[in-house]
Amino acid sequence: MGERNIISSNKAPKAIGPYSQGVVSSGLIFLSGQIPLDESGELCNGTIEEQVELIFQNIGHLLKTQNCDLQNIVKLTVFLKDISDFDAVNSKMIELFEEPYPARSLVQAAALPKNVAVEIEVIAGLNENGAK
């Protein structure tokens, strides 16, 4: 197994279980699933669009620790409590990403941590010159 570096940001919520916010390995950034928590760990009870926006802000903070941003994302996995929120997630992605869009899987989940409506997991590529 290649070298594995743990990443974290005080601007993103701490992990709510025994896992890291993110790991860098083999030129890729793997972020744990992010739910709509602010940096203090408080749950966002806004619209699905507001929750997705907060999640991507947190993802951005974590990617920034590696001198990356949302455009470095190569794969998203989106978990929705209610599949009818599919269009709202698509609208927010069009707003936040440029074409070509990252690969994505979107699945409905029976339950998510803290009973949230959405969770997003990310794989991103490091910039050619590496981090920092």
N, C-alpha and C. Protein backbone atom coordinates (compact mmCIF):
# COMPACT_ATOMS: atom_id res chain seq x y z
N MET A 1 0.84 -1.18 0.00
CA MET A 1 0.00 0.00 0.00
C MET A 1 0.88 1.23 0.00
N GLY A 2 0.50 2.25 -0.77
CA GLY A 2 1.25 3.49 -0.84
C GLY A 2 1.12 4.30 0.43
N GLU A 3 1.86 5.40 0.45
CA GLU A 3 1.81 6.30 1.60
C GLU A 3 0.40 6.85 1.76
N ARG A 4 0.01 7.04 3.00
CA ARG A 4 -1.33 7.53 3.32
C ARG A 4 -1.20 8.70 4.26
N ASN A 5 -1.70 9.87 3.85
CA ASN A 5 -1.66 11.07 4.69
C ASN A 5 -3.08 11.49 5.04
N ILE A 6 -3.28 11.77 6.31
CA ILE A 6 -4.59 12.20 6.80
C ILE A 6 -4.70 13.71 6.61
N ILE A 7 -5.87 14.16 6.15
CA ILE A 7 -6.10 15.60 6.03
C ILE A 7 -7.28 15.98 6.91
N SER A 8 -7.26 17.22 7.37
CA SER A 8 -8.37 17.74 8.16
C SER A 8 -8.38 19.25 8.06
N SER A 9 -9.50 19.84 8.39
CA SER A 9 -9.65 21.29 8.40
C SER A 9 -10.54 21.67 9.57
N ASN A 10 -10.12 22.69 10.31
CA ASN A 10 -10.96 23.22 11.39
C ASN A 10 -12.17 23.96 10.85
N LYS A 11 -12.17 24.28 9.55
CA LYS A 11 -13.29 24.98 8.94
C LYS A 11 -14.41 24.03 8.52
N ALA A 12 -14.14 22.74 8.58
CA ALA A 12 -15.15 21.72 8.28
C ALA A 12 -15.49 20.99 9.57
N PRO A 13 -16.70 20.43 9.67
CA PRO A 13 -17.06 19.74 10.91
C PRO A 13 -16.17 18.54 11.16
N LYS A 14 -15.91 18.28 12.43
CA LYS A 14 -15.12 17.10 12.81
C LYS A 14 -15.90 15.84 12.48
N ALA A 15 -15.17 14.76 12.29
CA ALA A 15 -15.81 13.47 12.05
C ALA A 15 -16.69 13.12 13.25
N ILE A 16 -17.83 12.50 12.98
CA ILE A 16 -18.75 12.15 14.07
C ILE A 16 -18.58 10.69 14.48
N GLY A 17 -17.53 10.06 14.01
CA GLY A 17 -17.24 8.67 14.34
C GLY A 17 -15.75 8.40 14.22
N PRO A 18 -15.36 7.14 14.31
CA PRO A 18 -13.94 6.78 14.26
C PRO A 18 -13.42 6.72 12.82
N TYR A 19 -13.32 7.87 12.18
CA TYR A 19 -12.80 7.96 10.82
C TYR A 19 -12.20 9.34 10.61
N SER A 20 -11.39 9.47 9.58
CA SER A 20 -10.74 10.74 9.25
C SER A 20 -11.63 11.56 8.32
N GLN A 21 -11.46 12.89 8.35
CA GLN A 21 -12.18 13.74 7.41
C GLN A 21 -11.77 13.38 5.98
N GLY A 22 -10.50 13.06 5.81
CA GLY A 22 -10.02 12.71 4.48
C GLY A 22 -8.66 12.05 4.53
N VAL A 23 -8.33 11.39 3.42
CA VAL A 23 -7.05 10.70 3.29
C VAL A 23 -6.51 10.99 1.89
N VAL A 24 -5.20 11.24 1.81
CA VAL A 24 -4.53 11.37 0.52
C VAL A 24 -3.67 10.14 0.31
N SER A 25 -3.82 9.51 -0.85
CA SER A 25 -3.02 8.33 -1.18
C SER A 25 -2.94 8.19 -2.69
N SER A 26 -1.77 7.87 -3.18
CA SER A 26 -1.56 7.58 -4.61
C SER A 26 -2.09 8.69 -5.52
N GLY A 27 -1.89 9.94 -5.12
CA GLY A 27 -2.30 11.07 -5.96
C GLY A 27 -3.77 11.39 -5.92
N LEU A 28 -4.51 10.75 -5.03
CA LEU A 28 -5.95 10.99 -4.91
C LEU A 28 -6.31 11.44 -3.51
N ILE A 29 -7.38 12.22 -3.42
CA ILE A 29 -7.94 12.66 -2.15
C ILE A 29 -9.27 11.93 -1.97
N PHE A 30 -9.40 11.24 -0.87
CA PHE A 30 -10.63 10.52 -0.53
C PHE A 30 -11.25 11.22 0.67
N LEU A 31 -12.41 11.83 0.48
CA LEU A 31 -13.09 12.50 1.60
C LEU A 31 -14.21 11.62 2.11
N SER A 32 -14.29 11.52 3.43
CA SER A 32 -15.40 10.80 4.05
C SER A 32 -16.70 11.50 3.72
N GLY A 33 -17.79 10.77 3.81
CA GLY A 33 -19.09 11.36 3.53
C GLY A 33 -19.33 12.59 4.39
N GLN A 34 -19.76 13.65 3.75
CA GLN A 34 -20.05 14.91 4.43
C GLN A 34 -21.56 15.09 4.52
N ILE A 35 -22.01 15.46 5.70
CA ILE A 35 -23.42 15.76 5.92
C ILE A 35 -23.53 17.25 6.25
N PRO A 36 -24.75 17.81 6.20
CA PRO A 36 -24.88 19.26 6.36
C PRO A 36 -24.72 19.76 7.80
N LEU A 37 -23.46 19.75 8.24
CA LEU A 37 -23.10 20.29 9.55
C LEU A 37 -22.23 21.51 9.34
N ASP A 38 -22.41 22.54 10.18
CA ASP A 38 -21.50 23.67 10.10
C ASP A 38 -20.21 23.32 10.85
N GLU A 39 -19.25 24.25 10.83
CA GLU A 39 -17.94 23.94 11.42
C GLU A 39 -18.01 23.63 12.91
N SER A 40 -19.06 24.09 13.59
CA SER A 40 -19.20 23.79 15.02
C SER A 40 -19.91 22.45 15.25
N GLY A 41 -20.37 21.83 14.16
CA GLY A 41 -21.05 20.54 14.29
C GLY A 41 -22.56 20.65 14.37
N GLU A 42 -23.09 21.88 14.22
CA GLU A 42 -24.54 22.07 14.26
C GLU A 42 -25.16 21.68 12.93
N LEU A 43 -26.29 21.01 12.99
CA LEU A 43 -27.00 20.54 11.81
C LEU A 43 -27.71 21.70 11.11
N CYS A 44 -27.60 21.75 9.79
CA CYS A 44 -28.32 22.73 8.96
C CYS A 44 -29.69 22.15 8.66
N ASN A 45 -30.72 22.85 9.03
CA ASN A 45 -32.08 22.39 8.78
C ASN A 45 -32.75 23.15 7.65
N GLY A 46 -31.94 23.76 6.77
CA GLY A 46 -32.48 24.53 5.66
C GLY A 46 -33.01 23.64 4.55
N THR A 47 -33.25 24.25 3.40
CA THR A 47 -33.72 23.52 2.23
C THR A 47 -32.64 22.54 1.78
N ILE A 48 -33.03 21.61 0.92
CA ILE A 48 -32.04 20.66 0.41
C ILE A 48 -30.93 21.40 -0.33
N GLU A 49 -31.27 22.48 -1.04
CA GLU A 49 -30.25 23.26 -1.74
C GLU A 49 -29.27 23.89 -0.76
N GLU A 50 -29.78 24.41 0.35
CA GLU A 50 -28.90 25.00 1.38
C GLU A 50 -28.02 23.93 2.02
N GLN A 51 -28.58 22.75 2.23
CA GLN A 51 -27.79 21.67 2.81
C GLN A 51 -26.68 21.22 1.87
N VAL A 52 -27.00 21.08 0.59
CA VAL A 52 -25.99 20.68 -0.40
C VAL A 52 -24.92 21.76 -0.51
N GLU A 53 -25.32 23.02 -0.51
CA GLU A 53 -24.35 24.12 -0.57
C GLU A 53 -23.39 24.06 0.62
N LEU A 54 -23.91 23.85 1.83
CA LEU A 54 -23.06 23.75 3.02
C LEU A 54 -22.11 22.56 2.91
N ILE A 55 -22.61 21.45 2.44
CA ILE A 55 -21.75 20.27 2.27
C ILE A 55 -20.60 20.60 1.32
N PHE A 56 -20.90 21.24 0.19
CA PHE A 56 -19.83 21.56 -0.75
C PHE A 56 -18.88 22.63 -0.21
N GLN A 57 -19.36 23.53 0.65
CA GLN A 57 -18.44 24.46 1.32
C GLN A 57 -17.46 23.68 2.18
N ASN A 58 -17.97 22.71 2.93
CA ASN A 58 -17.10 21.89 3.79
C ASN A 58 -16.12 21.07 2.95
N ILE A 59 -16.60 20.51 1.86
CA ILE A 59 -15.73 19.77 0.95
C ILE A 59 -14.64 20.70 0.42
N GLY A 60 -15.02 21.92 0.06
CA GLY A 60 -14.05 22.91 -0.42
C GLY A 60 -12.98 23.20 0.61
N HIS A 61 -13.36 23.33 1.88
CA HIS A 61 -12.37 23.58 2.94
C HIS A 61 -11.38 22.42 3.04
N LEU A 62 -11.87 21.21 2.94
CA LEU A 62 -10.99 20.05 3.02
C LEU A 62 -10.07 19.97 1.80
N LEU A 63 -10.61 20.22 0.62
CA LEU A 63 -9.79 20.19 -0.59
C LEU A 63 -8.72 21.29 -0.57
N LYS A 64 -9.08 22.43 0.00
CA LYS A 64 -8.14 23.55 0.05
C LYS A 64 -6.88 23.19 0.85
N THR A 65 -6.98 22.29 1.81
CA THR A 65 -5.79 21.88 2.57
C THR A 65 -4.75 21.24 1.67
N GLN A 66 -5.17 20.81 0.48
CA GLN A 66 -4.27 20.18 -0.48
C GLN A 66 -4.09 21.06 -1.73
N ASN A 67 -4.39 22.35 -1.58
CA ASN A 67 -4.33 23.31 -2.70
C ASN A 67 -5.20 22.87 -3.88
N CYS A 68 -6.35 22.33 -3.57
CA CYS A 68 -7.31 21.89 -4.58
C CYS A 68 -8.65 22.59 -4.34
N ASP A 69 -9.56 22.41 -5.29
CA ASP A 69 -10.91 22.95 -5.14
C ASP A 69 -11.91 21.98 -5.77
N LEU A 70 -13.15 22.41 -5.89
CA LEU A 70 -14.20 21.51 -6.39
C LEU A 70 -13.89 20.98 -7.79
N GLN A 71 -13.14 21.74 -8.58
CA GLN A 71 -12.83 21.31 -9.95
C GLN A 71 -11.88 20.12 -9.97
N ASN A 72 -11.24 19.79 -8.84
CA ASN A 72 -10.37 18.62 -8.76
C ASN A 72 -11.16 17.33 -8.53
N ILE A 73 -12.45 17.45 -8.24
CA ILE A 73 -13.27 16.27 -7.94
C ILE A 73 -13.45 15.43 -9.20
N VAL A 74 -13.17 14.13 -9.08
CA VAL A 74 -13.35 13.22 -10.22
C VAL A 74 -14.55 12.30 -10.02
N LYS A 75 -14.98 12.10 -8.77
CA LYS A 75 -16.11 11.19 -8.50
C LYS A 75 -16.85 11.62 -7.26
N LEU A 76 -18.15 11.70 -7.37
CA LEU A 76 -19.04 12.00 -6.24
C LEU A 76 -19.96 10.80 -6.02
N THR A 77 -20.22 10.52 -4.77
CA THR A 77 -21.29 9.59 -4.42
C THR A 77 -22.25 10.36 -3.53
N VAL A 78 -23.49 10.50 -3.99
CA VAL A 78 -24.50 11.27 -3.27
C VAL A 78 -25.54 10.29 -2.72
N PHE A 79 -25.80 10.41 -1.44
CA PHE A 79 -26.82 9.60 -0.78
C PHE A 79 -27.97 10.52 -0.40
N LEU A 80 -29.17 10.21 -0.86
CA LEU A 80 -30.35 11.00 -0.55
C LEU A 80 -31.34 10.17 0.25
N LYS A 81 -31.94 10.81 1.23
CA LYS A 81 -33.01 10.15 1.99
C LYS A 81 -34.26 10.04 1.12
N ASP A 82 -34.48 11.06 0.26
CA ASP A 82 -35.67 11.11 -0.59
C ASP A 82 -35.22 11.36 -2.03
N ILE A 83 -35.42 10.40 -2.90
CA ILE A 83 -34.97 10.51 -4.29
C ILE A 83 -35.63 11.68 -5.01
N SER A 84 -36.73 12.20 -4.49
CA SER A 84 -37.38 13.35 -5.13
C SER A 84 -36.52 14.61 -5.02
N ASP A 85 -35.45 14.58 -4.21
CA ASP A 85 -34.51 15.70 -4.13
C ASP A 85 -33.46 15.66 -5.24
N PHE A 86 -33.57 14.68 -6.14
CA PHE A 86 -32.63 14.49 -7.24
C PHE A 86 -32.44 15.78 -8.06
N ASP A 87 -33.55 16.41 -8.47
CA ASP A 87 -33.46 17.62 -9.30
C ASP A 87 -32.79 18.78 -8.56
N ALA A 88 -33.05 18.90 -7.27
CA ALA A 88 -32.43 19.98 -6.48
C ALA A 88 -30.92 19.79 -6.41
N VAL A 89 -30.47 18.54 -6.27
CA VAL A 89 -29.03 18.26 -6.25
C VAL A 89 -28.43 18.58 -7.61
N ASN A 90 -29.11 18.19 -8.68
CA ASN A 90 -28.62 18.50 -10.02
C ASN A 90 -28.48 20.00 -10.23
N SER A 91 -29.48 20.76 -9.82
CA SER A 91 -29.43 22.22 -9.98
C SER A 91 -28.25 22.82 -9.24
N LYS A 92 -28.00 22.36 -8.04
CA LYS A 92 -26.89 22.89 -7.25
C LYS A 92 -25.56 22.51 -7.88
N MET A 93 -25.47 21.30 -8.43
CA MET A 93 -24.22 20.88 -9.09
C MET A 93 -23.94 21.73 -10.33
N ILE A 94 -24.97 22.04 -11.11
CA ILE A 94 -24.79 22.89 -12.29
C ILE A 94 -24.26 24.25 -11.86
N GLU A 95 -24.73 24.74 -10.73
CA GLU A 95 -24.29 26.03 -10.20
C GLU A 95 -22.84 25.99 -9.71
N LEU A 96 -22.42 24.88 -9.11
CA LEU A 96 -21.11 24.80 -8.46
C LEU A 96 -19.99 24.25 -9.33
N PHE A 97 -20.33 23.48 -10.37
CA PHE A 97 -19.31 22.82 -11.18
C PHE A 97 -19.33 23.33 -12.61
N GLU A 98 -18.18 23.22 -13.25
CA GLU A 98 -18.06 23.51 -14.67
C GLU A 98 -18.01 22.19 -15.42
N GLU A 99 -18.42 22.22 -16.68
CA GLU A 99 -18.27 21.03 -17.52
C GLU A 99 -16.80 20.86 -17.87
N PRO A 100 -16.30 19.68 -18.00
CA PRO A 100 -16.99 18.41 -17.83
C PRO A 100 -17.22 18.11 -16.35
N TYR A 101 -18.41 17.64 -16.03
CA TYR A 101 -18.76 17.34 -14.65
C TYR A 101 -18.05 16.08 -14.17
N PRO A 102 -17.86 15.96 -12.85
CA PRO A 102 -17.26 14.72 -12.34
C PRO A 102 -18.22 13.54 -12.52
N ALA A 103 -17.67 12.35 -12.48
CA ALA A 103 -18.51 11.15 -12.46
C ALA A 103 -19.32 11.18 -11.16
N ARG A 104 -20.49 10.55 -11.19
CA ARG A 104 -21.33 10.60 -9.99
C ARG A 104 -22.24 9.39 -9.91
N SER A 105 -22.42 8.92 -8.70
CA SER A 105 -23.47 7.95 -8.39
C SER A 105 -24.40 8.65 -7.41
N LEU A 106 -25.69 8.40 -7.54
CA LEU A 106 -26.66 8.97 -6.62
C LEU A 106 -27.63 7.86 -6.24
N VAL A 107 -27.74 7.63 -4.94
CA VAL A 107 -28.60 6.55 -4.47
C VAL A 107 -29.50 7.04 -3.34
N GLN A 108 -30.67 6.44 -3.25
CA GLN A 108 -31.54 6.71 -2.12
C GLN A 108 -31.15 5.77 -0.99
N ALA A 109 -31.00 6.34 0.20
CA ALA A 109 -30.63 5.56 1.38
C ALA A 109 -31.80 5.55 2.36
N ALA A 110 -32.04 4.43 2.98
CA ALA A 110 -33.15 4.32 3.93
C ALA A 110 -32.95 5.25 5.13
N ALA A 111 -31.70 5.42 5.54
CA ALA A 111 -31.39 6.29 6.68
C ALA A 111 -29.96 6.79 6.53
N LEU A 112 -29.73 8.00 7.03
CA LEU A 112 -28.40 8.61 7.00
C LEU A 112 -28.05 9.08 8.40
N PRO A 113 -26.75 9.29 8.70
CA PRO A 113 -26.36 9.74 10.04
C PRO A 113 -27.11 11.01 10.45
N LYS A 114 -27.47 11.07 11.71
CA LYS A 114 -28.19 12.21 12.30
C LYS A 114 -29.51 12.51 11.59
N ASN A 115 -30.02 11.50 10.86
CA ASN A 115 -31.29 11.62 10.15
C ASN A 115 -31.29 12.76 9.12
N VAL A 116 -30.13 13.05 8.52
CA VAL A 116 -30.04 14.13 7.53
C VAL A 116 -30.67 13.68 6.21
N ALA A 117 -30.89 14.65 5.31
CA ALA A 117 -31.50 14.38 4.02
C ALA A 117 -30.48 14.01 2.95
N VAL A 118 -29.20 14.38 3.16
CA VAL A 118 -28.20 14.18 2.11
C VAL A 118 -26.81 13.97 2.72
N GLU A 119 -26.03 13.13 2.07
CA GLU A 119 -24.62 12.92 2.42
C GLU A 119 -23.85 12.80 1.10
N ILE A 120 -22.66 13.41 1.04
CA ILE A 120 -21.87 13.38 -0.19
C ILE A 120 -20.45 12.95 0.12
N GLU A 121 -19.98 11.98 -0.65
CA GLU A 121 -18.63 11.44 -0.53
C GLU A 121 -17.86 11.81 -1.81
N VAL A 122 -16.56 12.09 -1.67
CA VAL A 122 -15.78 12.64 -2.78
C VAL A 122 -14.47 11.90 -2.98
N ILE A 123 -14.10 11.75 -4.24
CA ILE A 123 -12.74 11.40 -4.63
C ILE A 123 -12.26 12.52 -5.55
N ALA A 124 -11.09 13.07 -5.25
CA ALA A 124 -10.53 14.15 -6.06
C ALA A 124 -9.09 13.82 -6.41
N GLY A 125 -8.61 14.40 -7.49
CA GLY A 125 -7.22 14.22 -7.88
C GLY A 125 -6.38 15.40 -7.43
N LEU A 126 -5.17 15.11 -6.96
CA LEU A 126 -4.24 16.18 -6.62
C LEU A 126 -3.82 16.90 -7.89
N ASN A 127 -3.41 18.15 -7.76
CA ASN A 127 -2.86 18.87 -8.90
C ASN A 127 -1.56 18.21 -9.33
N GLU A 128 -1.18 18.40 -10.58
CA GLU A 128 0.03 17.76 -11.14
C GLU A 128 1.26 17.95 -10.27
N ASN A 129 1.40 19.16 -9.71
CA ASN A 129 2.59 19.45 -8.90
C ASN A 129 2.44 18.98 -7.46
N GLY A 130 1.35 18.27 -7.16
CA GLY A 130 1.14 17.76 -5.80
C GLY A 130 0.60 18.84 -4.89
N ALA A 131 0.39 18.49 -3.67
CA ALA A 131 -0.18 19.41 -2.68
C ALA A 131 0.89 20.29 -2.09
N LYS A 132 0.44 21.42 -1.63
CA LYS A 132 1.25 22.37 -0.89
C LYS A 132 2.45 22.73 -1.66
